[in-house]
Amino acid sequence: QSDHSRTLMAGLTAFQNRYNLDIPVVMA
């Protein structure tokens, strides 16, 4: 549940929400 222990797939879920308007960052 903590941001420090997230896996890559779980982190990318929050990552996409954080950069949902910046498509190149999400695709990178």
PDB file of all heavy atoms in Angstrom:
ATOM      1  N   GLN A   1       0.793  -1.224   0.000  1.00  0.00           N
ATOM      2  CA  GLN A   1       0.000   0.000   0.000  1.00  0.00           C
ATOM      3  C   GLN A   1       0.830   1.280   0.000  1.00  0.00           C
ATOM      4  O   GLN A   1       0.336   2.330  -0.403  1.00  0.00           O
ATOM      5  CB  GLN A   1      -0.947  -0.009   1.207  1.00  0.00           C
ATOM      6  CG  GLN A   1      -1.921  -1.177   1.188  1.00  0.00           C
ATOM      7  CD  GLN A   1      -2.801  -1.226   2.416  1.00  0.00           C
ATOM      8  OE1 GLN A   1      -2.595  -0.501   3.379  1.00  0.00           O
ATOM      9  NE2 GLN A   1      -3.803  -2.092   2.389  1.00  0.00           N
ATOM     10  N   SER A   2       2.058   1.238   0.477  1.00  0.00           N
ATOM     11  CA  SER A   2       2.876   2.454   0.519  1.00  0.00           C
ATOM     12  C   SER A   2       3.514   2.699  -0.838  1.00  0.00           C
ATOM     13  O   SER A   2       3.778   1.764  -1.609  1.00  0.00           O
ATOM     14  CB  SER A   2       3.949   2.350   1.599  1.00  0.00           C
ATOM     15  OG  SER A   2       4.880   1.343   1.268  1.00  0.00           O
ATOM     16  N   ASP A   3       3.766   3.959  -1.132  1.00  0.00           N
ATOM     17  CA  ASP A   3       4.376   4.324  -2.404  1.00  0.00           C
ATOM     18  C   ASP A   3       5.783   3.759  -2.514  1.00  0.00           C
ATOM     19  O   ASP A   3       6.265   3.462  -3.601  1.00  0.00           O
ATOM     20  CB  ASP A   3       4.411   5.852  -2.533  1.00  0.00           C
ATOM     21  CG  ASP A   3       4.552   6.309  -3.969  1.00  0.00           C
ATOM     22  OD1 ASP A   3       3.825   5.780  -4.829  1.00  0.00           O
ATOM     23  OD2 ASP A   3       5.410   7.167  -4.233  1.00  0.00           O
ATOM     24  N   HIS A   4       6.459   3.572  -1.391  1.00  0.00           N
ATOM     25  CA  HIS A   4       7.836   3.076  -1.380  1.00  0.00           C
ATOM     26  C   HIS A   4       7.919   1.602  -1.745  1.00  0.00           C
ATOM     27  O   HIS A   4       8.923   1.151  -2.305  1.00  0.00           O
ATOM     28  CB  HIS A   4       8.444   3.306   0.012  1.00  0.00           C
ATOM     29  CG  HIS A   4       9.860   2.859   0.127  1.00  0.00           C
ATOM     30  ND1 HIS A   4      10.911   3.573  -0.432  1.00  0.00           N
ATOM     31  CD2 HIS A   4      10.423   1.767   0.724  1.00  0.00           C
ATOM     32  CE1 HIS A   4      12.049   2.942  -0.171  1.00  0.00           C
ATOM     33  NE2 HIS A   4      11.778   1.853   0.526  1.00  0.00           N
ATOM     34  N   SER A   5       6.868   0.827  -1.454  1.00  0.00           N
ATOM     35  CA  SER A   5       6.913  -0.620  -1.673  1.00  0.00           C
ATOM     36  C   SER A   5       6.141  -1.066  -2.904  1.00  0.00           C
ATOM     37  O   SER A   5       6.028  -2.271  -3.149  1.00  0.00           O
ATOM     38  CB  SER A   5       6.356  -1.344  -0.443  1.00  0.00           C
ATOM     39  OG  SER A   5       4.995  -0.984  -0.231  1.00  0.00           O
ATOM     40  N   ARG A   6       5.611  -0.159  -3.676  1.00  0.00           N
ATOM     41  CA  ARG A   6       4.827  -0.544  -4.848  1.00  0.00           C
ATOM     42  C   ARG A   6       5.673  -1.269  -5.888  1.00  0.00           C
ATOM     43  O   ARG A   6       6.859  -1.006  -6.043  1.00  0.00           O
ATOM     44  CB  ARG A   6       4.210   0.699  -5.501  1.00  0.00           C
ATOM     45  CG  ARG A   6       2.992   1.239  -4.788  1.00  0.00           C
ATOM     46  CD  ARG A   6       2.509   2.507  -5.455  1.00  0.00           C
ATOM     47  NE  ARG A   6       1.289   3.005  -4.850  1.00  0.00           N
ATOM     48  CZ  ARG A   6       0.785   4.218  -5.074  1.00  0.00           C
ATOM     49  NH1 ARG A   6       1.410   5.045  -5.890  1.00  0.00           N
ATOM     50  NH2 ARG A   6      -0.323   4.598  -4.485  1.00  0.00           N
ATOM     51  N   THR A   7       5.023  -2.166  -6.618  1.00  0.00           N
ATOM     52  CA  THR A   7       5.675  -2.802  -7.746  1.00  0.00           C
ATOM     53  C   THR A   7       5.546  -1.896  -8.967  1.00  0.00           C
ATOM     54  O   THR A   7       4.883  -0.860  -8.937  1.00  0.00           O
ATOM     55  CB  THR A   7       5.036  -4.157  -8.052  1.00  0.00           C
ATOM     56  OG1 THR A   7       3.656  -3.954  -8.415  1.00  0.00           O
ATOM     57  CG2 THR A   7       5.118  -5.085  -6.856  1.00  0.00           C
ATOM     58  N   LEU A   8       6.202  -2.314 -10.042  1.00  0.00           N
ATOM     59  CA  LEU A   8       6.205  -1.482 -11.238  1.00  0.00           C
ATOM     60  C   LEU A   8       4.804  -1.300 -11.802  1.00  0.00           C
ATOM     61  O   LEU A   8       4.413  -0.186 -12.173  1.00  0.00           O
ATOM     62  CB  LEU A   8       7.127  -2.114 -12.283  1.00  0.00           C
ATOM     63  CG  LEU A   8       7.411  -1.300 -13.535  1.00  0.00           C
ATOM     64  CD1 LEU A   8       7.978   0.060 -13.184  1.00  0.00           C
ATOM     65  CD2 LEU A   8       8.355  -2.047 -14.450  1.00  0.00           C
ATOM     66  N   MET A   9       4.027  -2.382 -11.879  1.00  0.00           N
ATOM     67  CA  MET A   9       2.681  -2.277 -12.442  1.00  0.00           C
ATOM     68  C   MET A   9       1.771  -1.440 -11.553  1.00  0.00           C
ATOM     69  O   MET A   9       0.996  -0.617 -12.042  1.00  0.00           O
ATOM     70  CB  MET A   9       2.085  -3.675 -12.637  1.00  0.00           C
ATOM     71  CG  MET A   9       2.745  -4.496 -13.711  1.00  0.00           C
ATOM     72  SD  MET A   9       2.681  -3.743 -15.348  1.00  0.00           S
ATOM     73  CE  MET A   9       4.422  -3.392 -15.616  1.00  0.00           C
ATOM     74  N   ALA A  10       1.868  -1.634 -10.244  1.00  0.00           N
ATOM     75  CA  ALA A  10       1.056  -0.832  -9.327  1.00  0.00           C
ATOM     76  C   ALA A  10       1.498   0.623  -9.365  1.00  0.00           C
ATOM     77  O   ALA A  10       0.679   1.543  -9.311  1.00  0.00           O
ATOM     78  CB  ALA A  10       1.161  -1.382  -7.912  1.00  0.00           C
ATOM     79  N   GLY A  11       2.807   0.848  -9.447  1.00  0.00           N
ATOM     80  CA  GLY A  11       3.303   2.216  -9.524  1.00  0.00           C
ATOM     81  C   GLY A  11       2.881   2.913 -10.803  1.00  0.00           C
ATOM     82  O   GLY A  11       2.576   4.109 -10.793  1.00  0.00           O
ATOM     83  N   LEU A  12       2.849   2.166 -11.910  1.00  0.00           N
ATOM     84  CA  LEU A  12       2.442   2.770 -13.180  1.00  0.00           C
ATOM     85  C   LEU A  12       0.980   3.199 -13.156  1.00  0.00           C
ATOM     86  O   LEU A  12       0.584   4.111 -13.887  1.00  0.00           O
ATOM     87  CB  LEU A  12       2.680   1.790 -14.330  1.00  0.00           C
ATOM     88  CG  LEU A  12       4.130   1.639 -14.788  1.00  0.00           C
ATOM     89  CD1 LEU A  12       4.240   0.555 -15.849  1.00  0.00           C
ATOM     90  CD2 LEU A  12       4.656   2.964 -15.330  1.00  0.00           C
ATOM     91  N   THR A  13       0.164   2.539 -12.346  1.00  0.00           N
ATOM     92  CA  THR A  13      -1.230   2.958 -12.216  1.00  0.00           C
ATOM     93  C   THR A  13      -1.317   4.370 -11.648  1.00  0.00           C
ATOM     94  O   THR A  13      -2.036   5.228 -12.170  1.00  0.00           O
ATOM     95  CB  THR A  13      -1.985   1.980 -11.301  1.00  0.00           C
ATOM     96  OG1 THR A  13      -1.876   0.662 -11.827  1.00  0.00           O
ATOM     97  CG2 THR A  13      -3.449   2.358 -11.199  1.00  0.00           C
ATOM     98  N   ALA A  14      -0.577   4.622 -10.565  1.00  0.00           N
ATOM     99  CA  ALA A  14      -0.518   5.973 -10.007  1.00  0.00           C
ATOM    100  C   ALA A  14       0.235   6.911 -10.925  1.00  0.00           C
ATOM    101  O   ALA A  14      -0.081   8.098 -11.027  1.00  0.00           O
ATOM    102  CB  ALA A  14       0.150   5.926  -8.630  1.00  0.00           C
ATOM    103  N   PHE A  15       1.238   6.373 -11.625  1.00  0.00           N
ATOM    104  CA  PHE A  15       2.045   7.160 -12.555  1.00  0.00           C
ATOM    105  C   PHE A  15       1.169   7.723 -13.676  1.00  0.00           C
ATOM    106  O   PHE A  15       1.290   8.903 -14.049  1.00  0.00           O
ATOM    107  CB  PHE A  15       3.142   6.266 -13.121  1.00  0.00           C
ATOM    108  CG  PHE A  15       4.172   6.982 -13.954  1.00  0.00           C
ATOM    109  CD1 PHE A  15       5.208   7.651 -13.345  1.00  0.00           C
ATOM    110  CD2 PHE A  15       4.118   6.960 -15.336  1.00  0.00           C
ATOM    111  CE1 PHE A  15       6.179   8.288 -14.096  1.00  0.00           C
ATOM    112  CE2 PHE A  15       5.064   7.600 -16.096  1.00  0.00           C
ATOM    113  CZ  PHE A  15       6.105   8.266 -15.472  1.00  0.00           C
ATOM    114  N   GLN A  16       0.290   6.891 -14.212  1.00  0.00           N
ATOM    115  CA  GLN A  16      -0.594   7.348 -15.291  1.00  0.00           C
ATOM    116  C   GLN A  16      -1.579   8.393 -14.782  1.00  0.00           C
ATOM    117  O   GLN A  16      -1.909   9.341 -15.505  1.00  0.00           O
ATOM    118  CB  GLN A  16      -1.335   6.150 -15.884  1.00  0.00           C
ATOM    119  CG  GLN A  16      -0.436   5.175 -16.605  1.00  0.00           C
ATOM    120  CD  GLN A  16      -1.203   4.005 -17.174  1.00  0.00           C
ATOM    121  OE1 GLN A  16      -2.198   4.171 -17.879  1.00  0.00           O
ATOM    122  NE2 GLN A  16      -0.753   2.791 -16.878  1.00  0.00           N
ATOM    123  N   ASN A  17      -2.071   8.242 -13.552  1.00  0.00           N
ATOM    124  CA  ASN A  17      -2.972   9.251 -13.002  1.00  0.00           C
ATOM    125  C   ASN A  17      -2.260  10.577 -12.787  1.00  0.00           C
ATOM    126  O   ASN A  17      -2.855  11.653 -12.958  1.00  0.00           O
ATOM    127  CB  ASN A  17      -3.548   8.752 -11.670  1.00  0.00           C
ATOM    128  CG  ASN A  17      -4.461   7.564 -11.848  1.00  0.00           C
ATOM    129  OD1 ASN A  17      -5.084   7.399 -12.894  1.00  0.00           O
ATOM    130  ND2 ASN A  17      -4.532   6.705 -10.841  1.00  0.00           N
ATOM    131  N   ARG A  18      -0.972  10.507 -12.419  1.00  0.00           N
ATOM    132  CA  ARG A  18      -0.211  11.720 -12.160  1.00  0.00           C
ATOM    133  C   ARG A  18       0.121  12.458 -13.450  1.00  0.00           C
ATOM    134  O   ARG A  18       0.174  13.683 -13.493  1.00  0.00           O
ATOM    135  CB  ARG A  18       1.069  11.345 -11.415  1.00  0.00           C
ATOM    136  CG  ARG A  18       1.833  12.519 -10.827  1.00  0.00           C
ATOM    137  CD  ARG A  18       3.038  12.005 -10.054  1.00  0.00           C
ATOM    138  NE  ARG A  18       2.657  10.961  -9.106  1.00  0.00           N
ATOM    139  CZ  ARG A  18       3.504  10.092  -8.587  1.00  0.00           C
ATOM    140  NH1 ARG A  18       4.766  10.117  -8.917  1.00  0.00           N
ATOM    141  NH2 ARG A  18       3.072   9.194  -7.723  1.00  0.00           N
ATOM    142  N   TYR A  19       0.387  11.690 -14.517  1.00  0.00           N
ATOM    143  CA  TYR A  19       0.795  12.297 -15.786  1.00  0.00           C
ATOM    144  C   TYR A  19      -0.219  11.985 -16.890  1.00  0.00           C
ATOM    145  O   TYR A  19       0.160  11.786 -18.041  1.00  0.00           O
ATOM    146  CB  TYR A  19       2.170  11.771 -16.205  1.00  0.00           C
ATOM    147  CG  TYR A  19       3.277  12.120 -15.266  1.00  0.00           C
ATOM    148  CD1 TYR A  19       3.767  11.183 -14.355  1.00  0.00           C
ATOM    149  CD2 TYR A  19       3.854  13.392 -15.268  1.00  0.00           C
ATOM    150  CE1 TYR A  19       4.801  11.498 -13.485  1.00  0.00           C
ATOM    151  CE2 TYR A  19       4.889  13.710 -14.405  1.00  0.00           C
ATOM    152  CZ  TYR A  19       5.353  12.760 -13.518  1.00  0.00           C
ATOM    153  OH  TYR A  19       6.384  13.070 -12.658  1.00  0.00           O
ATOM    154  N   ASN A  20      -1.497  11.945 -16.514  1.00  0.00           N
ATOM    155  CA  ASN A  20      -2.499  11.536 -17.489  1.00  0.00           C
ATOM    156  C   ASN A  20      -2.626  12.506 -18.659  1.00  0.00           C
ATOM    157  O   ASN A  20      -3.157  12.154 -19.705  1.00  0.00           O
ATOM    158  CB  ASN A  20      -3.858  11.332 -16.815  1.00  0.00           C
ATOM    159  CG  ASN A  20      -4.357  12.587 -16.119  1.00  0.00           C
ATOM    160  OD1 ASN A  20      -3.616  13.569 -15.964  1.00  0.00           O
ATOM    161  ND2 ASN A  20      -5.598  12.558 -15.677  1.00  0.00           N
ATOM    162  N   LEU A  21      -2.145  13.737 -18.503  1.00  0.00           N
ATOM    163  CA  LEU A  21      -2.192  14.712 -19.593  1.00  0.00           C
ATOM    164  C   LEU A  21      -0.877  14.786 -20.359  1.00  0.00           C
ATOM    165  O   LEU A  21      -0.796  15.466 -21.376  1.00  0.00           O
ATOM    166  CB  LEU A  21      -2.564  16.097 -19.057  1.00  0.00           C
ATOM    167  CG  LEU A  21      -3.943  16.222 -18.404  1.00  0.00           C
ATOM    168  CD1 LEU A  21      -4.171  17.640 -17.916  1.00  0.00           C
ATOM    169  CD2 LEU A  21      -5.038  15.812 -19.381  1.00  0.00           C
ATOM    170  N   ASP A  22       0.163  14.108 -19.860  1.00  0.00           N
ATOM    171  CA  ASP A  22       1.466  14.111 -20.520  1.00  0.00           C
ATOM    172  C   ASP A  22       1.704  12.721 -21.098  1.00  0.00           C
ATOM    173  O   ASP A  22       2.342  11.868 -20.489  1.00  0.00           O
ATOM    174  CB  ASP A  22       2.561  14.484 -19.522  1.00  0.00           C
ATOM    175  CG  ASP A  22       3.845  14.919 -20.216  1.00  0.00           C
ATOM    176  OD1 ASP A  22       4.033  14.522 -21.388  1.00  0.00           O
ATOM    177  OD2 ASP A  22       4.643  15.645 -19.600  1.00  0.00           O
ATOM    178  N   ILE A  23       1.191  12.491 -22.303  1.00  0.00           N
ATOM    179  CA  ILE A  23       1.226  11.167 -22.914  1.00  0.00           C
ATOM    180  C   ILE A  23       2.648  10.650 -23.122  1.00  0.00           C
ATOM    181  O   ILE A  23       2.933   9.476 -22.835  1.00  0.00           O
ATOM    182  CB  ILE A  23       0.453  11.172 -24.246  1.00  0.00           C
ATOM    183  CG1 ILE A  23      -0.996  11.616 -24.025  1.00  0.00           C
ATOM    184  CG2 ILE A  23       0.479   9.781 -24.880  1.00  0.00           C
ATOM    185  CD1 ILE A  23      -1.761  10.748 -23.067  1.00  0.00           C
ATOM    186  N   PRO A  24       3.605  11.459 -23.618  1.00  0.00           N
ATOM    187  CA  PRO A  24       4.963  10.930 -23.799  1.00  0.00           C
ATOM    188  C   PRO A  24       5.590  10.395 -22.518  1.00  0.00           C
ATOM    189  O   PRO A  24       6.327   9.405 -22.556  1.00  0.00           O
ATOM    190  CB  PRO A  24       5.732  12.146 -24.350  1.00  0.00           C
ATOM    191  CG  PRO A  24       4.696  12.960 -25.041  1.00  0.00           C
ATOM    192  CD  PRO A  24       3.473  12.813 -24.201  1.00  0.00           C
ATOM    193  N   VAL A  25       5.327  11.023 -21.386  1.00  0.00           N
ATOM    194  CA  VAL A  25       5.892  10.546 -20.120  1.00  0.00           C
ATOM    195  C   VAL A  25       5.287   9.182 -19.758  1.00  0.00           C
ATOM    196  O   VAL A  25       6.004   8.262 -19.342  1.00  0.00           O
ATOM    197  CB  VAL A  25       5.649  11.567 -19.000  1.00  0.00           C
ATOM    198  CG1 VAL A  25       6.133  11.011 -17.656  1.00  0.00           C
ATOM    199  CG2 VAL A  25       6.350  12.874 -19.301  1.00  0.00           C
ATOM    200  N   VAL A  26       3.982   9.053 -19.918  1.00  0.00           N
ATOM    201  CA  VAL A  26       3.318   7.780 -19.627  1.00  0.00           C
ATOM    202  C   VAL A  26       3.844   6.687 -20.555  1.00  0.00           C
ATOM    203  O   VAL A  26       4.153   5.562 -20.114  1.00  0.00           O
ATOM    204  CB  VAL A  26       1.795   7.925 -19.766  1.00  0.00           C
ATOM    205  CG1 VAL A  26       1.116   6.567 -19.596  1.00  0.00           C
ATOM    206  CG2 VAL A  26       1.257   8.912 -18.749  1.00  0.00           C
ATOM    207  N   MET A  27       3.968   6.987 -21.841  1.00  0.00           N
ATOM    208  CA  MET A  27       4.464   5.996 -22.795  1.00  0.00           C
ATOM    209  C   MET A  27       5.920   5.640 -22.525  1.00  0.00           C
ATOM    210  O   MET A  27       6.333   4.490 -22.728  1.00  0.00           O
ATOM    211  CB  MET A  27       4.297   6.524 -24.224  1.00  0.00           C
ATOM    212  CG  MET A  27       2.861   6.689 -24.660  1.00  0.00           C
ATOM    213  SD  MET A  27       1.934   5.138 -24.539  1.00  0.00           S
ATOM    214  CE  MET A  27       0.307   5.670 -25.064  1.00  0.00           C
ATOM    215  N   ALA A  28       6.707   6.592 -22.061  1.00  0.00           N
ATOM    216  CA  ALA A  28       8.097   6.290 -21.705  1.00  0.00           C
ATOM    217  C   ALA A  28       8.149   5.328 -20.520  1.00  0.00           C
ATOM    218  O   ALA A  28       8.948   4.377 -20.512  1.00  0.00           O
ATOM    219  CB  ALA A  28       8.841   7.581 -21.368  1.00  0.00           C
TER     220      ALA A  28
END
